[in-house]
Amino acid sequence: MRINGPNQTNLNPYQKQINKQAELQKAGTKADKIEISKQAKDLQESSKPDPARQKQVEAIKQRVDAGEYKGDHDVSAQKMIDFWNKRI
């Protein structure tokens, strides 16, 4: 059975969506890019270890490996408590 009404047209109800997709494809794909702020670059530079501190860390490592290093537990605990109290 075939019904031909007065408003019979060959419109696709999804034509707008198809047109939008076609336009997006014509626009092409955009390449990803990244921009690093000056502050982030400064933070990267400041995160590099200080040579004097690095020497001190190496000296302590050698003393620990040799079994000569004896740390004061009370002082270490107090420093940790002070550090975390400043964070809160």
Foldseek 3Di string as FASTA:
>chain_A
DDDDDPPDDDDDPCVVVVVVVVVVVVVPDDDDDDDDDPVNVVVVVVPDDDVVVVVVVVVVVVCVVVVNDDDDPVVVVVVVVVVVVVVD
